[in-house]
PDB file of N, CA and C in Angstrom:
ATOM      1  N   MET A   1    -121.060  27.761-219.094  1.00  0.00           N
ATOM      2  CA  MET A   1    -120.934  29.016-218.367  1.00  0.00           C
ATOM      3  C   MET A   1    -122.287  29.727-218.373  1.00  0.00           C
ATOM      4  N   THR A   2    -122.675  30.247-217.231  1.00  0.00           N
ATOM      5  CA  THR A   2    -123.940  30.956-217.142  1.00  0.00           C
ATOM      6  C   THR A   2    -123.754  32.415-217.551  1.00  0.00           C
ATOM      7  N   THR A   3    -124.843  32.996-217.967  1.00  0.00           N
ATOM      8  CA  THR A   3    -124.836  34.402-218.359  1.00  0.00           C
ATOM      9  C   THR A   3    -124.985  35.270-217.118  1.00  0.00           C
ATOM     10  N   PRO A   4    -124.134  36.266-216.921  1.00  0.00           N
ATOM     11  CA  PRO A   4    -124.254  37.151-215.765  1.00  0.00           C
ATOM     12  C   PRO A   4    -125.576  37.918-215.796  1.00  0.00           C
ATOM     13  N   VAL A   5    -126.111  38.167-214.616  1.00  0.00           N
ATOM     14  CA  VAL A   5    -127.361  38.911-214.479  1.00  0.00           C
ATOM     15  C   VAL A   5    -127.031  40.376-214.229  1.00  0.00           C
ATOM     16  N   ASP A   6    -127.654  41.255-214.985  1.00  0.00           N
ATOM     17  CA  ASP A   6    -127.529  42.692-214.748  1.00  0.00           C
ATOM     18  C   ASP A   6    -128.394  43.012-213.532  1.00  0.00           C
ATOM     19  N   ILE A   7    -127.774  43.371-212.414  1.00  0.00           N
ATOM     20  CA  ILE A   7    -128.558  43.565-211.198  1.00  0.00           C
ATOM     21  C   ILE A   7    -129.566  44.707-211.314  1.00  0.00           C
ATOM     22  N   GLY A   8    -129.354  45.574-212.280  1.00  0.00           N
ATOM     23  CA  GLY A   8    -130.322  46.640-212.509  1.00  0.00           C
ATOM     24  C   GLY A   8    -131.667  46.132-213.004  1.00  0.00           C
ATOM     25  N   THR A   9    -131.710  44.879-213.404  1.00  0.00           N
ATOM     26  CA  THR A   9    -132.973  44.301-213.891  1.00  0.00           C
ATOM     27  C   THR A   9    -133.760  43.619-212.783  1.00  0.00           C
ATOM     28  N   LEU A  10    -133.234  43.577-211.570  1.00  0.00           N
ATOM     29  CA  LEU A  10    -133.885  42.845-210.490  1.00  0.00           C
ATOM     30  C   LEU A  10    -134.949  43.658-209.757  1.00  0.00           C
ATOM     31  N   ILE A  11    -134.917  44.962-209.916  1.00  0.00           N
ATOM     32  CA  ILE A  11    -135.911  45.849-209.305  1.00  0.00           C
ATOM     33  C   ILE A  11    -136.610  46.590-210.435  1.00  0.00           C
ATOM     34  N   GLU A  12    -137.927  46.639-210.364  1.00  0.00           N
ATOM     35  CA  GLU A  12    -138.676  47.356-211.405  1.00  0.00           C
ATOM     36  C   GLU A  12    -139.742  48.229-210.775  1.00  0.00           C
ATOM     37  N   ARG A  13    -140.222  49.154-211.597  1.00  0.00           N
ATOM     38  CA  ARG A  13    -141.286  50.061-211.167  1.00  0.00           C
ATOM     39  C   ARG A  13    -142.283  50.163-212.308  1.00  0.00           C
ATOM     40  N   ASP A  14    -143.540  49.955-211.978  1.00  0.00           N
ATOM     41  CA  ASP A  14    -144.619  50.064-212.956  1.00  0.00           C
ATOM     42  C   ASP A  14    -145.637  51.033-212.363  1.00  0.00           C
ATOM     43  N   PRO A  15    -145.835  52.190-212.988  1.00  0.00           N
ATOM     44  CA  PRO A  15    -146.761  53.176-212.429  1.00  0.00           C
ATOM     45  C   PRO A  15    -148.172  52.633-212.200  1.00  0.00           C
ATOM     46  N   SER A  16    -148.547  51.581-212.917  1.00  0.00           N
ATOM     47  CA  SER A  16    -149.897  51.036-212.769  1.00  0.00           C
ATOM     48  C   SER A  16    -149.978  49.911-211.735  1.00  0.00           C
ATOM     49  N   SER A  17    -148.867  49.611-211.067  1.00  0.00           N
ATOM     50  CA  SER A  17    -148.852  48.510-210.096  1.00  0.00           C
ATOM     51  C   SER A  17    -148.230  48.963-208.790  1.00  0.00           C
ATOM     52  N   LYS A  18    -148.865  48.608-207.691  1.00  0.00           N
ATOM     53  CA  LYS A  18    -148.338  48.914-206.354  1.00  0.00           C
ATOM     54  C   LYS A  18    -148.082  50.410-206.161  1.00  0.00           C
ATOM     55  N   GLY A  19    -148.913  51.231-206.748  1.00  0.00           N
ATOM     56  CA  GLY A  19    -148.757  52.671-206.601  1.00  0.00           C
ATOM     57  C   GLY A  19    -147.464  53.207-207.174  1.00  0.00           C
ATOM     58  N   GLY A  20    -146.884  52.477-208.120  1.00  0.00           N
ATOM     59  CA  GLY A  20    -145.647  52.912-208.737  1.00  0.00           C
ATOM     60  C   GLY A  20    -144.413  52.652-207.900  1.00  0.00           C
ATOM     61  N   ARG A  21    -144.576  51.892-206.835  1.00  0.00           N
ATOM     62  CA  ARG A  21    -143.435  51.604-205.963  1.00  0.00           C
ATOM     63  C   ARG A  21    -142.524  50.556-206.561  1.00  0.00           C
ATOM     64  N   GLU A  22    -141.259  50.626-206.177  1.00  0.00           N
ATOM     65  CA  GLU A  22    -140.296  49.632-206.648  1.00  0.00           C
ATOM     66  C   GLU A  22    -140.663  48.271-206.096  1.00  0.00           C
ATOM     67  N   ARG A  23    -140.522  47.270-206.954  1.00  0.00           N
ATOM     68  CA  ARG A  23    -140.811  45.907-206.528  1.00  0.00           C
ATOM     69  C   ARG A  23    -139.803  44.963-207.149  1.00  0.00           C
ATOM     70  N   LEU A  24    -139.768  43.772-206.609  1.00  0.00           N
ATOM     71  CA  LEU A  24    -138.874  42.753-207.130  1.00  0.00           C
ATOM     72  C   LEU A  24    -139.367  42.351-208.506  1.00  0.00           C
ATOM     73  N   ALA A  25    -138.479  42.301-209.460  1.00  0.00           N
ATOM     74  CA  ALA A  25    -138.847  42.017-210.852  1.00  0.00           C
ATOM     75  C   ALA A  25    -139.643  40.718-210.955  1.00  0.00           C
ATOM     76  N   GLY A  26    -140.747  40.800-211.681  1.00  0.00           N
ATOM     77  CA  GLY A  26    -141.581  39.628-211.925  1.00  0.00           C
ATOM     78  C   GLY A  26    -142.452  39.226-210.755  1.00  0.00           C
ATOM     79  N   THR A  27    -142.511  40.064-209.723  1.00  0.00           N
ATOM     80  CA  THR A  27    -143.324  39.755-208.537  1.00  0.00           C
ATOM     81  C   THR A  27    -144.166  40.968-208.156  1.00  0.00           C
ATOM     82  N   SER A  28    -144.997  40.789-207.151  1.00  0.00           N
ATOM     83  CA  SER A  28    -145.738  41.917-206.601  1.00  0.00           C
ATOM     84  C   SER A  28    -145.163  42.353-205.258  1.00  0.00           C
ATOM     85  N   VAL A  29    -144.012  41.834-204.894  1.00  0.00           N
ATOM     86  CA  VAL A  29    -143.377  42.128-203.605  1.00  0.00           C
ATOM     87  C   VAL A  29    -142.599  43.435-203.710  1.00  0.00           C
ATOM     88  N   THR A  30    -142.948  44.389-202.860  1.00  0.00           N
ATOM     89  CA  THR A  30    -142.284  45.688-202.907  1.00  0.00           C
ATOM     90  C   THR A  30    -140.971  45.674-202.120  1.00  0.00           C
ATOM     91  N   VAL A  31    -140.107  46.579-202.516  1.00  0.00           N
ATOM     92  CA  VAL A  31    -138.844  46.762-201.802  1.00  0.00           C
ATOM     93  C   VAL A  31    -139.128  47.173-200.361  1.00  0.00           C
ATOM     94  N   SER A  32    -140.139  47.995-200.159  1.00  0.00           N
ATOM     95  CA  SER A  32    -140.452  48.438-198.794  1.00  0.00           C
ATOM     96  C   SER A  32    -140.870  47.265-197.913  1.00  0.00           C
ATOM     97  N   ARG A  33    -141.557  46.265-198.482  1.00  0.00           N
ATOM     98  CA  ARG A  33    -141.930  45.090-197.681  1.00  0.00           C
ATOM     99  C   ARG A  33    -140.681  44.337-197.224  1.00  0.00           C
ATOM    100  N   ILE A  34    -139.726  44.174-198.120  1.00  0.00           N
ATOM    101  CA  ILE A  34    -138.480  43.506-197.760  1.00  0.00           C
ATOM    102  C   ILE A  34    -137.737  44.329-196.706  1.00  0.00           C
ATOM    103  N   ALA A  35    -137.732  45.640-196.854  1.00  0.00           N
ATOM    104  CA  ALA A  35    -137.061  46.513-195.883  1.00  0.00           C
ATOM    105  C   ALA A  35    -137.684  46.375-194.503  1.00  0.00           C
ATOM    106  N   ILE A  36    -139.003  46.335-194.439  1.00  0.00           N
ATOM    107  CA  ILE A  36    -139.694  46.193-193.149  1.00  0.00           C
ATOM    108  C   ILE A  36    -139.329  44.866-192.497  1.00  0.00           C
ATOM    109  N   LEU A  37    -139.332  43.798-193.276  1.00  0.00           N
ATOM    110  CA  LEU A  37    -138.972  42.488-192.727  1.00  0.00           C
ATOM    111  C   LEU A  37    -137.546  42.504-192.184  1.00  0.00           C
ATOM    112  N   SER A  38    -136.650  43.173-192.898  1.00  0.00           N
ATOM    113  CA  SER A  38    -135.268  43.294-192.435  1.00  0.00           C
ATOM    114  C   SER A  38    -135.203  44.123-191.147  1.00  0.00           C
ATOM    115  N   GLN A  39    -135.970  45.196-191.087  1.00  0.00           N
ATOM    116  CA  GLN A  39    -135.998  46.038-189.885  1.00  0.00           C
ATOM    117  C   GLN A  39    -136.534  45.268-188.676  1.00  0.00           C
ATOM    118  N   GLU A  40    -137.389  44.281-188.948  1.00  0.00           N
ATOM    119  CA  GLU A  40    -137.933  43.454-187.870  1.00  0.00           C
ATOM    120  C   GLU A  40    -136.931  42.405-187.395  1.00  0.00           C
ATOM    121  N   GLY A  41    -135.747  42.374-188.011  1.00  0.00           N
ATOM    122  CA  GLY A  41    -134.688  41.503-187.555  1.00  0.00           C
ATOM    123  C   GLY A  41    -134.470  40.240-188.371  1.00  0.00           C
ATOM    124  N   LEU A  42    -135.234  40.061-189.457  1.00  0.00           N
ATOM    125  CA  LEU A  42    -135.052  38.880-190.286  1.00  0.00           C
ATOM    126  C   LEU A  42    -133.854  39.054-191.209  1.00  0.00           C
ATOM    127  N   THR A  43    -133.086  38.004-191.387  1.00  0.00           N
ATOM    128  CA  THR A  43    -131.979  38.028-192.335  1.00  0.00           C
ATOM    129  C   THR A  43    -132.526  37.788-193.737  1.00  0.00           C
ATOM    130  N   ALA A  44    -131.701  38.043-194.731  1.00  0.00           N
ATOM    131  CA  ALA A  44    -132.109  37.788-196.116  1.00  0.00           C
ATOM    132  C   ALA A  44    -132.488  36.322-196.296  1.00  0.00           C
ATOM    133  N   ASP A  45    -131.707  35.418-195.713  1.00  0.00           N
ATOM    134  CA  ASP A  45    -132.022  33.989-195.800  1.00  0.00           C
ATOM    135  C   ASP A  45    -133.375  33.676-195.177  1.00  0.00           C
ATOM    136  N   GLN A  46    -133.659  34.260-194.020  1.00  0.00           N
ATOM    137  CA  GLN A  46    -134.939  34.018-193.357  1.00  0.00           C
ATOM    138  C   GLN A  46    -136.105  34.577-194.174  1.00  0.00           C
ATOM    139  N   ILE A  47    -135.902  35.735-194.771  1.00  0.00           N
ATOM    140  CA  ILE A  47    -136.958  36.314-195.607  1.00  0.00           C
ATOM    141  C   ILE A  47    -137.254  35.380-196.775  1.00  0.00           C
ATOM    142  N   ALA A  48    -136.202  34.893-197.409  1.00  0.00           N
ATOM    143  CA  ALA A  48    -136.381  34.016-198.577  1.00  0.00           C
ATOM    144  C   ALA A  48    -137.012  32.681-198.195  1.00  0.00           C
ATOM    145  N   THR A  49    -136.545  32.084-197.106  1.00  0.00           N
ATOM    146  CA  THR A  49    -137.015  30.735-196.776  1.00  0.00           C
ATOM    147  C   THR A  49    -138.244  30.722-195.879  1.00  0.00           C
ATOM    148  N   ASP A  50    -138.267  31.542-194.838  1.00  0.00           N
ATOM    149  CA  ASP A  50    -139.372  31.501-193.879  1.00  0.00           C
ATOM    150  C   ASP A  50    -140.596  32.281-194.339  1.00  0.00           C
ATOM    151  N   VAL A  51    -140.377  33.473-194.851  1.00  0.00           N
ATOM    152  CA  VAL A  51    -141.508  34.319-195.248  1.00  0.00           C
ATOM    153  C   VAL A  51    -142.037  33.909-196.618  1.00  0.00           C
ATOM    154  N   PHE A  52    -141.144  33.740-197.563  1.00  0.00           N
ATOM    155  CA  PHE A  52    -141.574  33.440-198.934  1.00  0.00           C
ATOM    156  C   PHE A  52    -141.407  31.969-199.305  1.00  0.00           C
ATOM    157  N   GLU A  53    -141.043  31.159-198.323  1.00  0.00           N
ATOM    158  CA  GLU A  53    -140.969  29.703-198.476  1.00  0.00           C
ATOM    159  C   GLU A  53    -140.233  29.265-199.738  1.00  0.00           C
ATOM    160  N   GLY A  54    -139.146  29.974-200.033  1.00  0.00           N
ATOM    161  CA  GLY A  54    -138.314  29.608-201.177  1.00  0.00           C
ATOM    162  C   GLY A  54    -138.855  30.020-202.533  1.00  0.00           C
ATOM    163  N   ARG A  55    -139.973  30.739-202.563  1.00  0.00           N
ATOM    164  CA  ARG A  55    -140.553  31.161-203.846  1.00  0.00           C
ATOM    165  C   ARG A  55    -139.806  32.334-204.471  1.00  0.00           C
ATOM    166  N   LEU A  56    -139.008  33.036-203.666  1.00  0.00           N
ATOM    167  CA  LEU A  56    -138.209  34.153-204.183  1.00  0.00           C
ATOM    168  C   LEU A  56    -136.734  33.803-204.076  1.00  0.00           C
ATOM    169  N   PRO A  57    -135.984  34.011-205.152  1.00  0.00           N
ATOM    170  CA  PRO A  57    -134.546  33.743-205.069  1.00  0.00           C
ATOM    171  C   PRO A  57    -133.867  34.718-204.110  1.00  0.00           C
ATOM    172  N   LEU A  58    -132.872  34.215-203.436  1.00  0.00           N
ATOM    173  CA  LEU A  58    -132.116  35.039-202.500  1.00  0.00           C
ATOM    174  C   LEU A  58    -131.528  36.268-203.194  1.00  0.00           C
ATOM    175  N   SER A  59    -131.202  36.141-204.467  1.00  0.00           N
ATOM    176  CA  SER A  59    -130.644  37.281-205.204  1.00  0.00           C
ATOM    177  C   SER A  59    -131.632  38.452-205.244  1.00  0.00           C
ATOM    178  N   LEU A  60    -132.929  38.162-205.348  1.00  0.00           N
ATOM    179  CA  LEU A  60    -133.929  39.239-205.352  1.00  0.00           C
ATOM    180  C   LEU A  60    -134.017  39.912-203.987  1.00  0.00           C
ATOM    181  N   ILE A  61    -133.925  39.120-202.931  1.00  0.00           N
ATOM    182  CA  ILE A  61    -133.969  39.691-201.575  1.00  0.00           C
ATOM    183  C   ILE A  61    -132.768  40.614-201.372  1.00  0.00           C
ATOM    184  N   HIS A  62    -131.596  40.149-201.762  1.00  0.00           N
ATOM    185  CA  HIS A  62    -130.393  40.982-201.620  1.00  0.00           C
ATOM    186  C   HIS A  62    -130.483  42.237-202.494  1.00  0.00           C
ATOM    187  N   ALA A  63    -131.036  42.111-203.686  1.00  0.00           N
ATOM    188  CA  ALA A  63    -131.203  43.282-204.558  1.00  0.00           C
ATOM    189  C   ALA A  63    -132.133  44.296-203.899  1.00  0.00           C
ATOM    190  N   ALA A  64    -133.220  43.810-203.301  1.00  0.00           N
ATOM    191  CA  ALA A  64    -134.156  44.711-202.621  1.00  0.00           C
ATOM    192  C   ALA A  64    -133.474  45.417-201.458  1.00  0.00           C
ATOM    193  N   LEU A  65    -132.687  44.679-200.691  1.00  0.00           N
ATOM    194  CA  LEU A  65    -131.994  45.290-199.551  1.00  0.00           C
ATOM    195  C   LEU A  65    -130.950  46.303-200.012  1.00  0.00           C
ATOM    196  N   ALA A  66    -130.237  45.983-201.080  1.00  0.00           N
ATOM    197  CA  ALA A  66    -129.257  46.932-201.617  1.00  0.00           C
ATOM    198  C   ALA A  66    -129.963  48.194-202.107  1.00  0.00           C
ATOM    199  N   HIS A  67    -131.083  48.012-202.794  1.00  0.00           N
ATOM    200  CA  HIS A  67    -131.849  49.160-203.296  1.00  0.00           C
ATOM    201  C   HIS A  67    -132.366  50.000-202.124  1.00  0.00           C
ATOM    202  N   TYR A  68    -132.848  49.340-201.095  1.00  0.00           N
ATOM    203  CA  TYR A  68    -133.322  50.049-199.907  1.00  0.00           C
ATOM    204  C   TYR A  68    -132.197  50.879-199.288  1.00  0.00           C
ATOM    205  N   HIS A  69    -131.038  50.270-199.090  1.00  0.00           N
ATOM    206  CA  HIS A  69    -129.931  50.996-198.456  1.00  0.00           C
ATOM    207  C   HIS A  69    -129.421  52.143-199.329  1.00  0.00           C
ATOM    208  N   ALA A  70    -129.505  51.985-200.633  1.00  0.00           N
ATOM    209  CA  ALA A  70    -129.081  53.052-201.545  1.00  0.00           C
ATOM    210  C   ALA A  70    -130.105  54.175-201.637  1.00  0.00           C
ATOM    211  N   ASN A  71    -131.357  53.879-201.276  1.00  0.00           N
ATOM    212  CA  ASN A  71    -132.455  54.850-201.400  1.00  0.00           C
ATOM    213  C   ASN A  71    -133.249  54.939-200.098  1.00  0.00           C
ATOM    214  N   ARG A  72    -132.539  54.835-198.995  1.00  0.00           N
ATOM    215  CA  ARG A  72    -133.182  54.718-197.683  1.00  0.00           C
ATOM    216  C   ARG A  72    -134.182  55.834-197.387  1.00  0.00           C
ATOM    217  N   GLU A  73    -133.818  57.052-197.657  1.00  0.00           N
ATOM    218  CA  GLU A  73    -134.698  58.181-197.307  1.00  0.00           C
ATOM    219  C   GLU A  73    -136.051  58.073-198.011  1.00  0.00           C
ATOM    220  N   ALA A  74    -136.036  57.802-199.297  1.00  0.00           N
ATOM    221  CA  ALA A  74    -137.293  57.709-200.061  1.00  0.00           C
ATOM    222  C   ALA A  74    -138.136  56.519-199.619  1.00  0.00           C
ATOM    223  N   ILE A  75    -137.489  55.393-199.372  1.00  0.00           N
ATOM    224  CA  ILE A  75    -138.251  54.200-198.989  1.00  0.00           C
ATOM    225  C   ILE A  75    -138.763  54.329-197.560  1.00  0.00           C
ATOM    226  N   GLU A  76    -137.988  54.947-196.682  1.00  0.00           N
ATOM    227  CA  GLU A  76    -138.475  55.199-195.319  1.00  0.00           C
ATOM    228  C   GLU A  76    -139.697  56.119-195.356  1.00  0.00           C
ATOM    229  N   ALA A  77    -139.705  57.092-196.255  1.00  0.00           N
ATOM    230  CA  ALA A  77    -140.866  57.972-196.398  1.00  0.00           C
ATOM    231  C   ALA A  77    -142.086  57.174-196.857  1.00  0.00           C
ATOM    232  N   GLU A  78    -141.895  56.245-197.798  1.00  0.00           N
ATOM    233  CA  GLU A  78    -142.991  55.374-198.244  1.00  0.00           C
ATOM    234  C   GLU A  78    -143.554  54.573-197.078  1.00  0.00           C
ATOM    235  N   ILE A  79    -142.661  53.983-196.306  1.00  0.00           N
ATOM    236  CA  ILE A  79    -143.076  53.161-195.168  1.00  0.00           C
ATOM    237  C   ILE A  79    -143.843  54.005-194.164  1.00  0.00           C
ATOM    238  N   SER A  80    -143.340  55.194-193.877  1.00  0.00           N
ATOM    239  CA  SER A  80    -144.004  56.092-192.935  1.00  0.00           C
ATOM    240  C   SER A  80    -145.388  56.502-193.438  1.00  0.00           C
ATOM    241  N   ASN A  81    -145.487  56.829-194.725  1.00  0.00           N
ATOM    242  CA  ASN A  81    -146.787  57.198-195.302  1.00  0.00           C
ATOM    243  C   ASN A  81    -147.768  56.039-195.226  1.00  0.00           C
ATOM    244  N   ASP A  82    -147.292  54.825-195.498  1.00  0.00           N
ATOM    245  CA  ASP A  82    -148.149  53.645-195.403  1.00  0.00           C
ATOM    246  C   ASP A  82    -148.675  53.468-193.983  1.00  0.00           C
ATOM    247  N   GLU A  83    -147.803  53.649-193.006  1.00  0.00           N
ATOM    248  CA  GLU A  83    -148.213  53.508-191.609  1.00  0.00           C
ATOM    249  C   GLU A  83    -149.247  54.559-191.236  1.00  0.00           C
ATOM    250  N   MET A  84    -149.045  55.797-191.685  1.00  0.00           N
ATOM    251  CA  MET A  84    -150.014  56.854-191.400  1.00  0.00           C
ATOM    252  C   MET A  84    -151.353  56.557-192.068  1.00  0.00           C
ATOM    253  N   ASP A  85    -151.319  56.061-193.309  1.00  0.00           N
ATOM    254  CA  ASP A  85    -152.559  55.704-194.010  1.00  0.00           C
ATOM    255  C   ASP A  85    -153.297  54.594-193.272  1.00  0.00           C
ATOM    256  N   ARG A  86    -152.556  53.574-192.817  1.00  0.00           N
ATOM    257  CA  ARG A  86    -153.184  52.470-192.065  1.00  0.00           C
ATOM    258  C   ARG A  86    -153.788  52.976-190.768  1.00  0.00           C
ATOM    259  N   ASP A  87    -153.058  53.830-190.048  1.00  0.00           N
ATOM    260  CA  ASP A  87    -153.562  54.373-188.789  1.00  0.00           C
ATOM    261  C   ASP A  87    -154.818  55.204-189.018  1.00  0.00           C
ATOM    262  N   ARG A  88    -154.821  56.000-190.075  1.00  0.00           N
ATOM    263  CA  ARG A  88    -155.976  56.839-190.384  1.00  0.00           C
ATOM    264  C   ARG A  88    -157.176  55.968-190.741  1.00  0.00           C
ATOM    265  N   ALA A  89    -156.968  54.946-191.571  1.00  0.00           N
ATOM    266  CA  ALA A  89    -158.058  54.052-191.970  1.00  0.00           C
ATOM    267  C   ALA A  89    -158.612  53.311-190.760  1.00  0.00           C
ATOM    268  N   TRP A  90    -157.720  52.870-189.877  1.00  0.00           N
ATOM    269  CA  TRP A  90    -158.157  52.170-188.678  1.00  0.00           C
ATOM    270  C   TRP A  90    -158.985  53.093-187.790  1.00  0.00           C
ATOM    271  N   ALA A  91    -158.540  54.338-187.604  1.00  0.00           N
ATOM    272  CA  ALA A  91    -159.276  55.300-186.775  1.00  0.00           C
ATOM    273  C   ALA A  91    -160.639  55.606-187.384  1.00  0.00           C
ATOM    274  N   GLU A  92    -160.699  55.754-188.696  1.00  0.00           N
ATOM    275  CA  GLU A  92    -161.981  56.021-189.361  1.00  0.00           C
ATOM    276  C   GLU A  92    -162.927  54.834-189.215  1.00  0.00           C
ATOM    277  N   SER A  93    -162.409  53.647-189.349  1.00  0.00           N
ATOM    278  CA  SER A  93    -163.214  52.438-189.201  1.00  0.00           C
ATOM    279  C   SER A  93    -163.752  52.322-187.775  1.00  0.00           C
ATOM    280  N   LYS A  94    -162.880  52.613-186.821  1.00  0.00           N
ATOM    281  CA  LYS A  94    -163.283  52.547-185.411  1.00  0.00           C
ATOM    282  C   LYS A  94    -164.363  53.579-185.120  1.00  0.00           C
ATOM    283  N   ALA A  95    -164.227  54.795-185.671  1.00  0.00           N
ATOM    284  CA  ALA A  95    -165.229  55.845-185.459  1.00  0.00           C
ATOM    285  C   ALA A  95    -166.564  55.449-186.081  1.00  0.00           C
ATOM    286  N   LYS A  96    -166.548  54.830-187.253  1.00  0.00           N
ATOM    287  CA  LYS A  96    -167.782  54.394-187.912  1.00  0.00           C
ATOM    288  C   LYS A  96    -168.483  53.314-187.094  1.00  0.00           C
ATOM    289  N   ARG A  97    -167.710  52.399-186.509  1.00  0.00           N
ATOM    290  CA  ARG A  97    -168.311  51.340-185.690  1.00  0.00           C
ATOM    291  C   ARG A  97    -168.955  51.921-184.444  1.00  0.00           C
ATOM    292  N   ARG A  98    -168.356  52.944-183.865  1.00  0.00           N
ATOM    293  CA  ARG A  98    -168.932  53.577-182.676  1.00  0.00           C
ATOM    294  C   ARG A  98    -170.242  54.289-182.984  1.00  0.00           C
ATOM    295  N   SER A  99    -170.297  54.906-184.155  1.00  0.00           N
ATOM    296  CA  SER A  99    -171.481  55.695-184.492  1.00  0.00           C
ATOM    297  C   SER A  99    -172.616  54.827-185.038  1.00  0.00           C
ATOM    298  N   ALA A 100    -172.333  53.597-185.336  1.00  0.00           N
ATOM    299  CA  ALA A 100    -173.359  52.711-185.907  1.00  0.00           C
ATOM    300  C   ALA A 100    -174.275  52.158-184.844  1.00  0.00           C
TER     301      ALA A 100
END
């Protein structure tokens, strides 16, 4: 008989890693990354097999999706902030190239 897994152990947060964002336990993959892939239309199976080529167990993908749905507002804010940061960095880079 196998030992049951406490699903609370599948998501972790380390203030010194990934800006303190929730990530899949034992990996550097953030919950927000899994959420974005799901929003793009990928199923949990596709995320596990196509994106991560089987390196992540399906249980971690499902845990990330469950965590996202339980904390949607906070994770959507993270995603939005990331997009704004990327847009700002891109605009600054473009302005520097023009002035050079």
